[in-house]
Full PDB file with SEQRES, HELIX, SHEET, SSBOND, CRYST1, ORIGX, SCALE, CONECT and MASTER records, all heavy atoms in Angstrom:
SEQRES   1 A   36  LEU ARG LEU PRO PRO ARG VAL ASP GLN LEU LEU LEU GLU          
SEQRES   2 A   36  GLN TRP LYS ILE SER ALA GLU ARG TRP THR VAL ASN GLN          
SEQRES   3 A   36  THR ALA SER THR THR PRO TRP LEU PHE PRO                      
HELIX    1 AA1 PRO A    5  VAL A   24  1                                  20    
HELIX    2 AA2 GLN A   26  ALA A   28  5                                   3    
CRYST1    1.000    1.000    1.000  90.00  90.00  90.00 P 1           1          
ORIGX1      1.000000  0.000000  0.000000        0.00000                         
ORIGX2      0.000000  1.000000  0.000000        0.00000                         
ORIGX3      0.000000  0.000000  1.000000        0.00000                         
SCALE1      1.000000  0.000000  0.000000        0.00000                         
SCALE2      0.000000  1.000000  0.000000        0.00000                         
SCALE3      0.000000  0.000000  1.000000        0.00000                         
ATOM      1  N   LEU A   1      96.982 101.431  90.854  1.00  0.00           N  
ATOM      2  CA  LEU A   1      96.006 100.859  91.776  1.00  0.00           C  
ATOM      3  C   LEU A   1      95.046  99.942  91.040  1.00  0.00           C  
ATOM      4  O   LEU A   1      94.498 100.302  90.013  1.00  0.00           O  
ATOM      5  CB  LEU A   1      95.192 101.976  92.443  1.00  0.00           C  
ATOM      6  CG  LEU A   1      95.963 103.000  93.243  1.00  0.00           C  
ATOM      7  CD1 LEU A   1      95.022 104.080  93.744  1.00  0.00           C  
ATOM      8  CD2 LEU A   1      96.663 102.340  94.406  1.00  0.00           C  
ATOM      9  N   ARG A   2      94.850  98.757  91.560  1.00  0.00           N  
ATOM     10  CA  ARG A   2      93.837  97.846  91.045  1.00  0.00           C  
ATOM     11  C   ARG A   2      92.590  98.070  91.879  1.00  0.00           C  
ATOM     12  O   ARG A   2      92.635  98.022  93.101  1.00  0.00           O  
ATOM     13  CB  ARG A   2      94.287  96.394  91.174  1.00  0.00           C  
ATOM     14  CG  ARG A   2      95.656  96.123  90.597  1.00  0.00           C  
ATOM     15  CD  ARG A   2      95.563  95.701  89.151  1.00  0.00           C  
ATOM     16  NE  ARG A   2      96.852  95.258  88.661  1.00  0.00           N  
ATOM     17  CZ  ARG A   2      97.635  95.986  87.907  1.00  0.00           C  
ATOM     18  NH1 ARG A   2      97.279  97.188  87.575  1.00  0.00           N  
ATOM     19  NH2 ARG A   2      98.782  95.538  87.465  1.00  0.00           N  
ATOM     20  N   LEU A   3      91.470  98.310  91.231  1.00  0.00           N  
ATOM     21  CA  LEU A   3      90.242  98.663  91.927  1.00  0.00           C  
ATOM     22  C   LEU A   3      89.189  97.585  91.804  1.00  0.00           C  
ATOM     23  O   LEU A   3      89.179  96.835  90.827  1.00  0.00           O  
ATOM     24  CB  LEU A   3      89.687  99.973  91.350  1.00  0.00           C  
ATOM     25  CG  LEU A   3      90.622 101.175  91.425  1.00  0.00           C  
ATOM     26  CD1 LEU A   3      90.045 102.331  90.620  1.00  0.00           C  
ATOM     27  CD2 LEU A   3      90.841 101.578  92.856  1.00  0.00           C  
ATOM     28  N   PRO A   4      88.277  97.511  92.789  1.00  0.00           N  
ATOM     29  CA  PRO A   4      87.136  96.582  92.656  1.00  0.00           C  
ATOM     30  C   PRO A   4      86.306  96.954  91.433  1.00  0.00           C  
ATOM     31  O   PRO A   4      86.278  98.124  91.030  1.00  0.00           O  
ATOM     32  CB  PRO A   4      86.337  96.815  93.942  1.00  0.00           C  
ATOM     33  CG  PRO A   4      87.282  97.465  94.891  1.00  0.00           C  
ATOM     34  CD  PRO A   4      88.272  98.217  94.062  1.00  0.00           C  
ATOM     35  N   PRO A   5      85.629  95.994  90.816  1.00  0.00           N  
ATOM     36  CA  PRO A   5      84.889  96.253  89.572  1.00  0.00           C  
ATOM     37  C   PRO A   5      83.897  97.414  89.660  1.00  0.00           C  
ATOM     38  O   PRO A   5      83.808  98.224  88.743  1.00  0.00           O  
ATOM     39  CB  PRO A   5      84.165  94.936  89.297  1.00  0.00           C  
ATOM     40  CG  PRO A   5      84.958  93.908  90.005  1.00  0.00           C  
ATOM     41  CD  PRO A   5      85.561  94.587  91.192  1.00  0.00           C  
ATOM     42  N   ARG A   6      83.153  97.545  90.743  1.00  0.00           N  
ATOM     43  CA  ARG A   6      82.155  98.617  90.840  1.00  0.00           C  
ATOM     44  C   ARG A   6      82.826  99.989  90.937  1.00  0.00           C  
ATOM     45  O   ARG A   6      82.391 100.945  90.304  1.00  0.00           O  
ATOM     46  CB  ARG A   6      81.239  98.382  92.045  1.00  0.00           C  
ATOM     47  CG  ARG A   6      80.177  99.433  92.213  1.00  0.00           C  
ATOM     48  CD  ARG A   6      79.175  99.408  91.054  1.00  0.00           C  
ATOM     49  NE  ARG A   6      78.233 100.505  91.225  1.00  0.00           N  
ATOM     50  CZ  ARG A   6      77.885 101.351  90.259  1.00  0.00           C  
ATOM     51  NH1 ARG A   6      78.360 101.203  89.061  1.00  0.00           N  
ATOM     52  NH2 ARG A   6      77.047 102.321  90.501  1.00  0.00           N  
ATOM     53  N   VAL A   7      83.880 100.086  91.723  1.00  0.00           N  
ATOM     54  CA  VAL A   7      84.625 101.350  91.832  1.00  0.00           C  
ATOM     55  C   VAL A   7      85.270 101.677  90.493  1.00  0.00           C  
ATOM     56  O   VAL A   7      85.281 102.822  90.051  1.00  0.00           O  
ATOM     57  CB  VAL A   7      85.682 101.266  92.950  1.00  0.00           C  
ATOM     58  CG1 VAL A   7      86.536 102.525  92.996  1.00  0.00           C  
ATOM     59  CG2 VAL A   7      85.023 101.028  94.299  1.00  0.00           C  
ATOM     60  N   ASP A   8      85.771 100.648  89.834  1.00  0.00           N  
ATOM     61  CA  ASP A   8      86.369 100.818  88.515  1.00  0.00           C  
ATOM     62  C   ASP A   8      85.353 101.403  87.534  1.00  0.00           C  
ATOM     63  O   ASP A   8      85.662 102.316  86.767  1.00  0.00           O  
ATOM     64  CB  ASP A   8      86.881  99.460  88.023  1.00  0.00           C  
ATOM     65  CG  ASP A   8      87.676  99.566  86.758  1.00  0.00           C  
ATOM     66  OD1 ASP A   8      88.603 100.397  86.709  1.00  0.00           O  
ATOM     67  OD2 ASP A   8      87.368  98.818  85.817  1.00  0.00           O  
ATOM     68  N   GLN A   9      84.120 100.892  87.571  1.00  0.00           N  
ATOM     69  CA  GLN A   9      83.064 101.376  86.680  1.00  0.00           C  
ATOM     70  C   GLN A   9      82.712 102.825  86.990  1.00  0.00           C  
ATOM     71  O   GLN A   9      82.525 103.638  86.087  1.00  0.00           O  
ATOM     72  CB  GLN A   9      81.821 100.487  86.807  1.00  0.00           C  
ATOM     73  CG  GLN A   9      80.808 100.720  85.725  1.00  0.00           C  
ATOM     74  CD  GLN A   9      81.348 100.397  84.338  1.00  0.00           C  
ATOM     75  OE1 GLN A   9      82.148  99.498  84.165  1.00  0.00           O  
ATOM     76  NE2 GLN A   9      80.920 101.144  83.353  1.00  0.00           N  
ATOM     77  N   LEU A  10      82.630 103.176  88.274  1.00  0.00           N  
ATOM     78  CA  LEU A  10      82.330 104.558  88.663  1.00  0.00           C  
ATOM     79  C   LEU A  10      83.426 105.518  88.197  1.00  0.00           C  
ATOM     80  O   LEU A  10      83.149 106.614  87.713  1.00  0.00           O  
ATOM     81  CB  LEU A  10      82.156 104.657  90.177  1.00  0.00           C  
ATOM     82  CG  LEU A  10      80.898 104.025  90.749  1.00  0.00           C  
ATOM     83  CD1 LEU A  10      80.960 103.999  92.270  1.00  0.00           C  
ATOM     84  CD2 LEU A  10      79.663 104.761  90.273  1.00  0.00           C  
ATOM     85  N   LEU A  11      84.676 105.093  88.329  1.00  0.00           N  
ATOM     86  CA  LEU A  11      85.786 105.936  87.880  1.00  0.00           C  
ATOM     87  C   LEU A  11      85.771 106.116  86.373  1.00  0.00           C  
ATOM     88  O   LEU A  11      86.065 107.205  85.866  1.00  0.00           O  
ATOM     89  CB  LEU A  11      87.114 105.325  88.320  1.00  0.00           C  
ATOM     90  CG  LEU A  11      88.031 106.251  89.081  1.00  0.00           C  
ATOM     91  CD1 LEU A  11      87.420 106.609  90.411  1.00  0.00           C  
ATOM     92  CD2 LEU A  11      89.377 105.646  89.256  1.00  0.00           C  
ATOM     93  N   LEU A  12      85.424 105.066  85.648  1.00  0.00           N  
ATOM     94  CA  LEU A  12      85.344 105.157  84.190  1.00  0.00           C  
ATOM     95  C   LEU A  12      84.252 106.149  83.781  1.00  0.00           C  
ATOM     96  O   LEU A  12      84.469 106.983  82.886  1.00  0.00           O  
ATOM     97  CB  LEU A  12      85.075 103.785  83.577  1.00  0.00           C  
ATOM     98  CG  LEU A  12      85.084 103.704  82.059  1.00  0.00           C  
ATOM     99  CD1 LEU A  12      86.443 104.121  81.506  1.00  0.00           C  
ATOM    100  CD2 LEU A  12      84.742 102.294  81.607  1.00  0.00           C  
ATOM    101  N   GLU A  13      83.102 106.099  84.457  1.00  0.00           N  
ATOM    102  CA  GLU A  13      82.030 107.049  84.159  1.00  0.00           C  
ATOM    103  C   GLU A  13      82.471 108.476  84.456  1.00  0.00           C  
ATOM    104  O   GLU A  13      82.212 109.391  83.677  1.00  0.00           O  
ATOM    105  CB  GLU A  13      80.785 106.704  84.977  1.00  0.00           C  
ATOM    106  CG  GLU A  13      80.095 105.431  84.532  1.00  0.00           C  
ATOM    107  CD  GLU A  13      78.977 105.018  85.469  1.00  0.00           C  
ATOM    108  OE1 GLU A  13      78.483 105.872  86.229  1.00  0.00           O  
ATOM    109  OE2 GLU A  13      78.607 103.833  85.444  1.00  0.00           O  
ATOM    110  N   GLN A  14      83.147 108.678  85.602  1.00  0.00           N  
ATOM    111  CA  GLN A  14      83.637 110.006  85.952  1.00  0.00           C  
ATOM    112  C   GLN A  14      84.664 110.487  84.938  1.00  0.00           C  
ATOM    113  O   GLN A  14      84.686 111.658  84.558  1.00  0.00           O  
ATOM    114  CB  GLN A  14      84.240 110.000  87.365  1.00  0.00           C  
ATOM    115  CG  GLN A  14      84.837 111.316  87.791  1.00  0.00           C  
ATOM    116  CD  GLN A  14      83.824 112.439  87.862  1.00  0.00           C  
ATOM    117  OE1 GLN A  14      82.659 112.208  88.137  1.00  0.00           O  
ATOM    118  NE2 GLN A  14      84.266 113.653  87.604  1.00  0.00           N  
ATOM    119  N   TRP A  15      85.518 109.595  84.473  1.00  0.00           N  
ATOM    120  CA  TRP A  15      86.534 109.950  83.482  1.00  0.00           C  
ATOM    121  C   TRP A  15      85.888 110.437  82.185  1.00  0.00           C  
ATOM    122  O   TRP A  15      86.311 111.417  81.590  1.00  0.00           O  
ATOM    123  CB  TRP A  15      87.447 108.768  83.211  1.00  0.00           C  
ATOM    124  CG  TRP A  15      88.490 109.064  82.187  1.00  0.00           C  
ATOM    125  CD1 TRP A  15      88.486 108.695  80.880  1.00  0.00           C  
ATOM    126  CD2 TRP A  15      89.679 109.822  82.364  1.00  0.00           C  
ATOM    127  NE1 TRP A  15      89.591 109.158  80.244  1.00  0.00           N  
ATOM    128  CE2 TRP A  15      90.354 109.860  81.130  1.00  0.00           C  
ATOM    129  CE3 TRP A  15      90.247 110.469  83.441  1.00  0.00           C  
ATOM    130  CZ2 TRP A  15      91.559 110.519  80.953  1.00  0.00           C  
ATOM    131  CZ3 TRP A  15      91.450 111.117  83.265  1.00  0.00           C  
ATOM    132  CH2 TRP A  15      92.090 111.143  82.034  1.00  0.00           C  
ATOM    133  N   LYS A  16      84.834 109.742  81.761  1.00  0.00           N  
ATOM    134  CA  LYS A  16      84.135 110.132  80.527  1.00  0.00           C  
ATOM    135  C   LYS A  16      83.507 111.507  80.668  1.00  0.00           C  
ATOM    136  O   LYS A  16      83.574 112.329  79.755  1.00  0.00           O  
ATOM    137  CB  LYS A  16      83.079 109.090  80.165  1.00  0.00           C  
ATOM    138  CG  LYS A  16      83.669 107.784  79.671  1.00  0.00           C  
ATOM    139  CD  LYS A  16      82.593 106.754  79.423  1.00  0.00           C  
ATOM    140  CE  LYS A  16      83.200 105.435  78.982  1.00  0.00           C  
ATOM    141  NZ  LYS A  16      82.186 104.388  78.822  1.00  0.00           N  
ATOM    142  N   ILE A  17      82.898 111.770  81.831  1.00  0.00           N  
ATOM    143  CA  ILE A  17      82.283 113.085  82.068  1.00  0.00           C  
ATOM    144  C   ILE A  17      83.336 114.182  82.057  1.00  0.00           C  
ATOM    145  O   ILE A  17      83.162 115.223  81.423  1.00  0.00           O  
ATOM    146  CB  ILE A  17      81.504 113.079  83.397  1.00  0.00           C  
ATOM    147  CG1 ILE A  17      80.276 112.181  83.288  1.00  0.00           C  
ATOM    148  CG2 ILE A  17      81.104 114.494  83.806  1.00  0.00           C  
ATOM    149  CD1 ILE A  17      79.622 111.890  84.627  1.00  0.00           C  
ATOM    150  N   SER A  18      84.441 113.960  82.748  1.00  0.00           N  
ATOM    151  CA  SER A  18      85.472 114.999  82.815  1.00  0.00           C  
ATOM    152  C   SER A  18      86.151 115.179  81.459  1.00  0.00           C  
ATOM    153  O   SER A  18      86.527 116.294  81.096  1.00  0.00           O  
ATOM    154  CB  SER A  18      86.506 114.675  83.896  1.00  0.00           C  
ATOM    155  OG  SER A  18      87.247 113.525  83.568  1.00  0.00           O  
ATOM    156  N   ALA A  19      86.290 114.104  80.691  1.00  0.00           N  
ATOM    157  CA  ALA A  19      86.903 114.224  79.362  1.00  0.00           C  
ATOM    158  C   ALA A  19      86.009 115.049  78.428  1.00  0.00           C  
ATOM    159  O   ALA A  19      86.507 115.832  77.616  1.00  0.00           O  
ATOM    160  CB  ALA A  19      87.157 112.842  78.772  1.00  0.00           C  
ATOM    161  N   GLU A  20      84.690 114.897  78.563  1.00  0.00           N  
ATOM    162  CA  GLU A  20      83.768 115.696  77.749  1.00  0.00           C  
ATOM    163  C   GLU A  20      83.886 117.178  78.082  1.00  0.00           C  
ATOM    164  O   GLU A  20      83.913 118.020  77.198  1.00  0.00           O  
ATOM    165  CB  GLU A  20      82.324 115.222  77.965  1.00  0.00           C  
ATOM    166  CG  GLU A  20      82.010 113.896  77.329  1.00  0.00           C  
ATOM    167  CD  GLU A  20      80.629 113.388  77.692  1.00  0.00           C  
ATOM    168  OE1 GLU A  20      79.828 114.175  78.251  1.00  0.00           O  
ATOM    169  OE2 GLU A  20      80.352 112.208  77.435  1.00  0.00           O  
ATOM    170  N   ARG A  21      83.961 117.498  79.386  1.00  0.00           N  
ATOM    171  CA  ARG A  21      84.113 118.904  79.787  1.00  0.00           C  
ATOM    172  C   ARG A  21      85.448 119.459  79.309  1.00  0.00           C  
ATOM    173  O   ARG A  21      85.564 120.621  78.949  1.00  0.00           O  
ATOM    174  CB  ARG A  21      84.031 119.040  81.313  1.00  0.00           C  
ATOM    175  CG  ARG A  21      82.631 118.925  81.838  1.00  0.00           C  
ATOM    176  CD  ARG A  21      82.555 119.271  83.301  1.00  0.00           C  
ATOM    177  NE  ARG A  21      83.001 120.637  83.544  1.00  0.00           N  
ATOM    178  CZ  ARG A  21      83.415 121.085  84.719  1.00  0.00           C  
ATOM    179  NH1 ARG A  21      83.437 120.289  85.754  1.00  0.00           N  
ATOM    180  NH2 ARG A  21      83.791 122.335  84.864  1.00  0.00           N  
ATOM    181  N   TRP A  22      86.481 118.618  79.321  1.00  0.00           N  
ATOM    182  CA  TRP A  22      87.812 119.059  78.945  1.00  0.00           C  
ATOM    183  C   TRP A  22      87.888 119.400  77.462  1.00  0.00           C  
ATOM    184  O   TRP A  22      88.604 120.315  77.066  1.00  0.00           O  
ATOM    185  CB  TRP A  22      88.827 117.982  79.300  1.00  0.00           C  
ATOM    186  CG  TRP A  22      90.209 118.283  78.854  1.00  0.00           C  
ATOM    187  CD1 TRP A  22      91.062 119.197  79.397  1.00  0.00           C  
ATOM    188  CD2 TRP A  22      90.901 117.669  77.780  1.00  0.00           C  
ATOM    189  NE1 TRP A  22      92.250 119.186  78.720  1.00  0.00           N  
ATOM    190  CE2 TRP A  22      92.179 118.262  77.726  1.00  0.00           C  
ATOM    191  CE3 TRP A  22      90.575 116.683  76.856  1.00  0.00           C  
ATOM    192  CZ2 TRP A  22      93.125 117.877  76.784  1.00  0.00           C  
ATOM    193  CZ3 TRP A  22      91.518 116.314  75.936  1.00  0.00           C  
ATOM    194  CH2 TRP A  22      92.774 116.914  75.902  1.00  0.00           C  
ATOM    195  N   THR A  23      87.141 118.679  76.620  1.00  0.00           N  
ATOM    196  CA  THR A  23      87.205 118.943  75.180  1.00  0.00           C  
ATOM    197  C   THR A  23      86.765 120.358  74.847  1.00  0.00           C  
ATOM    198  O   THR A  23      87.196 120.931  73.859  1.00  0.00           O  
ATOM    199  CB  THR A  23      86.340 117.945  74.379  1.00  0.00           C  
ATOM    200  OG1 THR A  23      85.009 117.977  74.867  1.00  0.00           O  
ATOM    201  CG2 THR A  23      86.894 116.548  74.471  1.00  0.00           C  
ATOM    202  N   VAL A  24      85.923 120.929  75.699  1.00  0.00           N  
ATOM    203  CA  VAL A  24      85.485 122.313  75.492  1.00  0.00           C  
ATOM    204  C   VAL A  24      86.633 123.289  75.718  1.00  0.00           C  
ATOM    205  O   VAL A  24      86.723 124.322  75.069  1.00  0.00           O  
ATOM    206  CB  VAL A  24      84.305 122.636  76.435  1.00  0.00           C  
ATOM    207  CG1 VAL A  24      83.914 124.102  76.345  1.00  0.00           C  
ATOM    208  CG2 VAL A  24      83.128 121.745  76.129  1.00  0.00           C  
ATOM    209  N   ASN A  25      87.551 122.941  76.605  1.00  0.00           N  
ATOM    210  CA  ASN A  25      88.598 123.874  77.009  1.00  0.00           C  
ATOM    211  C   ASN A  25      89.981 123.228  76.902  1.00  0.00           C  
ATOM    212  O   ASN A  25      90.775 123.293  77.830  1.00  0.00           O  
ATOM    213  CB  ASN A  25      88.329 124.346  78.445  1.00  0.00           C  
ATOM    214  CG  ASN A  25      89.109 125.587  78.796  1.00  0.00           C  
ATOM    215  OD1 ASN A  25      89.753 126.188  77.954  1.00  0.00           O  
ATOM    216  ND2 ASN A  25      89.060 125.956  80.052  1.00  0.00           N  
ATOM    217  N   GLN A  26      90.291 122.601  75.785  1.00  0.00           N  
ATOM    218  CA  GLN A  26      91.556 121.892  75.618  1.00  0.00           C  
ATOM    219  C   GLN A  26      92.763 122.808  75.607  1.00  0.00           C  
ATOM    220  O   GLN A  26      93.864 122.376  75.913  1.00  0.00           O  
ATOM    221  CB  GLN A  26      91.550 121.082  74.324  1.00  0.00           C  
ATOM    222  CG  GLN A  26      90.701 119.865  74.402  1.00  0.00           C  
ATOM    223  CD  GLN A  26      90.824 119.035  73.143  1.00  0.00           C  
ATOM    224  OE1 GLN A  26      91.688 119.259  72.320  1.00  0.00           O  
ATOM    225  NE2 GLN A  26      89.944 118.076  72.988  1.00  0.00           N  
ATOM    226  N   THR A  27      92.594 124.046  75.253  1.00  0.00           N  
ATOM    227  CA  THR A  27      93.744 124.934  75.147  1.00  0.00           C  
ATOM    228  C   THR A  27      94.357 125.258  76.500  1.00  0.00           C  
ATOM    229  O   THR A  27      95.516 125.623  76.579  1.00  0.00           O  
ATOM    230  CB  THR A  27      93.336 126.256  74.462  1.00  0.00           C  
ATOM    231  OG1 THR A  27      92.278 126.859  75.218  1.00  0.00           O  
ATOM    232  CG2 THR A  27      92.886 126.005  73.041  1.00  0.00           C  
ATOM    233  N   ALA A  28      93.595 125.112  77.577  1.00  0.00           N  
ATOM    234  CA  ALA A  28      94.096 125.490  78.898  1.00  0.00           C  
ATOM    235  C   ALA A  28      94.873 124.381  79.589  1.00  0.00           C  
ATOM    236  O   ALA A  28      95.624 124.639  80.517  1.00  0.00           O  
ATOM    237  CB  ALA A  28      92.937 125.931  79.779  1.00  0.00           C  
ATOM    238  N   SER A  29      94.705 123.135  79.160  1.00  0.00           N  
ATOM    239  CA  SER A  29      95.357 122.021  79.836  1.00  0.00           C  
ATOM    240  C   SER A  29      95.679 120.935  78.820  1.00  0.00           C  
ATOM    241  O   SER A  29      94.959 120.743  77.848  1.00  0.00           O  
ATOM    242  CB  SER A  29      94.432 121.469  80.925  1.00  0.00           C  
ATOM    243  OG  SER A  29      94.991 120.338  81.530  1.00  0.00           O  
ATOM    244  N   THR A  30      96.756 120.210  79.061  1.00  0.00           N  
ATOM    245  CA  THR A  30      97.156 119.163  78.115  1.00  0.00           C  
ATOM    246  C   THR A  30      96.399 117.858  78.322  1.00  0.00           C  
ATOM    247  O   THR A  30      96.279 117.067  77.412  1.00  0.00           O  
ATOM    248  CB  THR A  30      98.668 118.884  78.225  1.00  0.00           C  
ATOM    249  OG1 THR A  30      98.967 118.539  79.581  1.00  0.00           O  
ATOM    250  CG2 THR A  30      99.453 120.097  77.791  1.00  0.00           C  
ATOM    251  N   THR A  31      95.919 117.610  79.532  1.00  0.00           N  
ATOM    252  CA  THR A  31      95.154 116.392  79.810  1.00  0.00           C  
ATOM    253  C   THR A  31      93.958 116.729  80.697  1.00  0.00           C  
ATOM    254  O   THR A  31      94.021 117.657  81.497  1.00  0.00           O  
ATOM    255  CB  THR A  31      96.017 115.335  80.544  1.00  0.00           C  
ATOM    256  OG1 THR A  31      96.512 115.917  81.748  1.00  0.00           O  
ATOM    257  CG2 THR A  31      97.160 114.855  79.685  1.00  0.00           C  
ATOM    258  N   PRO A  32      92.895 115.948  80.589  1.00  0.00           N  
ATOM    259  CA  PRO A  32      91.737 116.219  81.451  1.00  0.00           C  
ATOM    260  C   PRO A  32      91.988 115.735  82.882  1.00  0.00           C  
ATOM    261  O   PRO A  32      92.681 114.745  83.100  1.00  0.00           O  
ATOM    262  CB  PRO A  32      90.613 115.430  80.794  1.00  0.00           C  
ATOM    263  CG  PRO A  32      91.289 114.344  80.047  1.00  0.00           C  
ATOM    264  CD  PRO A  32      92.626 114.884  79.627  1.00  0.00           C  
ATOM    265  N   TRP A  33      91.417 116.437  83.842  1.00  0.00           N  
ATOM    266  CA  TRP A  33      91.480 116.026  85.237  1.00  0.00           C  
ATOM    267  C   TRP A  33      90.369 115.025  85.496  1.00  0.00           C  
ATOM    268  O   TRP A  33      89.286 115.131  84.935  1.00  0.00           O  
ATOM    269  CB  TRP A  33      91.291 117.236  86.153  1.00  0.00           C  
ATOM    270  CG  TRP A  33      92.442 118.182  86.121  1.00  0.00           C  
ATOM    271  CD1 TRP A  33      92.538 119.305  85.358  1.00  0.00           C  
ATOM    272  CD2 TRP A  33      93.646 118.083  86.846  1.00  0.00           C  
ATOM    273  NE1 TRP A  33      93.746 119.920  85.575  1.00  0.00           N  
ATOM    274  CE2 TRP A  33      94.451 119.181  86.498  1.00  0.00           C  
ATOM    275  CE3 TRP A  33      94.145 117.171  87.772  1.00  0.00           C  
ATOM    276  CZ2 TRP A  33      95.713 119.394  87.027  1.00  0.00           C  
ATOM    277  CZ3 TRP A  33      95.402 117.390  88.306  1.00  0.00           C  
ATOM    278  CH2 TRP A  33      96.162 118.485  87.941  1.00  0.00           C  
ATOM    279  N   LEU A  34      90.618 114.061  86.372  1.00  0.00           N  
ATOM    280  CA  LEU A  34      89.576 113.106  86.730  1.00  0.00           C  
ATOM    281  C   LEU A  34      88.447 113.820  87.463  1.00  0.00           C  
ATOM    282  O   LEU A  34      87.271 113.558  87.232  1.00  0.00           O  
ATOM    283  CB  LEU A  34      90.144 111.984  87.610  1.00  0.00           C  
ATOM    284  CG  LEU A  34      89.161 110.909  88.052  1.00  0.00           C  
ATOM    285  CD1 LEU A  34      88.533 110.231  86.843  1.00  0.00           C  
ATOM    286  CD2 LEU A  34      89.846 109.899  88.944  1.00  0.00           C  
ATOM    287  N   PHE A  35      88.799 114.756  88.328  1.00  0.00           N  
ATOM    288  CA  PHE A  35      87.822 115.562  89.047  1.00  0.00           C  
ATOM    289  C   PHE A  35      88.101 117.026  88.741  1.00  0.00           C  
ATOM    290  O   PHE A  35      88.804 117.701  89.482  1.00  0.00           O  
ATOM    291  CB  PHE A  35      87.889 115.298  90.553  1.00  0.00           C  
ATOM    292  CG  PHE A  35      87.562 113.882  90.915  1.00  0.00           C  
ATOM    293  CD1 PHE A  35      88.559 112.983  91.259  1.00  0.00           C  
ATOM    294  CD2 PHE A  35      86.251 113.436  90.900  1.00  0.00           C  
ATOM    295  CE1 PHE A  35      88.258 111.683  91.588  1.00  0.00           C  
ATOM    296  CE2 PHE A  35      85.936 112.136  91.224  1.00  0.00           C  
ATOM    297  CZ  PHE A  35      86.945 111.253  91.568  1.00  0.00           C  
ATOM    298  N   PRO A  36      87.559 117.514  87.623  1.00  0.00           N  
ATOM    299  CA  PRO A  36      87.830 118.905  87.245  1.00  0.00           C  
ATOM    300  C   PRO A  36      87.107 119.876  88.166  1.00  0.00           C  
ATOM    301  O   PRO A  36      86.074 119.560  88.746  1.00  0.00           O  
ATOM    302  CB  PRO A  36      87.275 118.994  85.817  1.00  0.00           C  
ATOM    303  CG  PRO A  36      86.231 117.937  85.752  1.00  0.00           C  
ATOM    304  CD  PRO A  36      86.691 116.844  86.676  1.00  0.00           C  
TER     305      PRO A  36                                                      
MASTER        0    0    0    2    0    0    0    6  304    1    0    3          
END                                                                             
């Protein structure tokens, strides 16, 4: 999906937040969820 720039920016911010939470619990999942 190609997204509008503002939606793209919001998704990138959400991805960073979920990736940070995922690093705490990497053993339970191989990849972080966008919406954990």
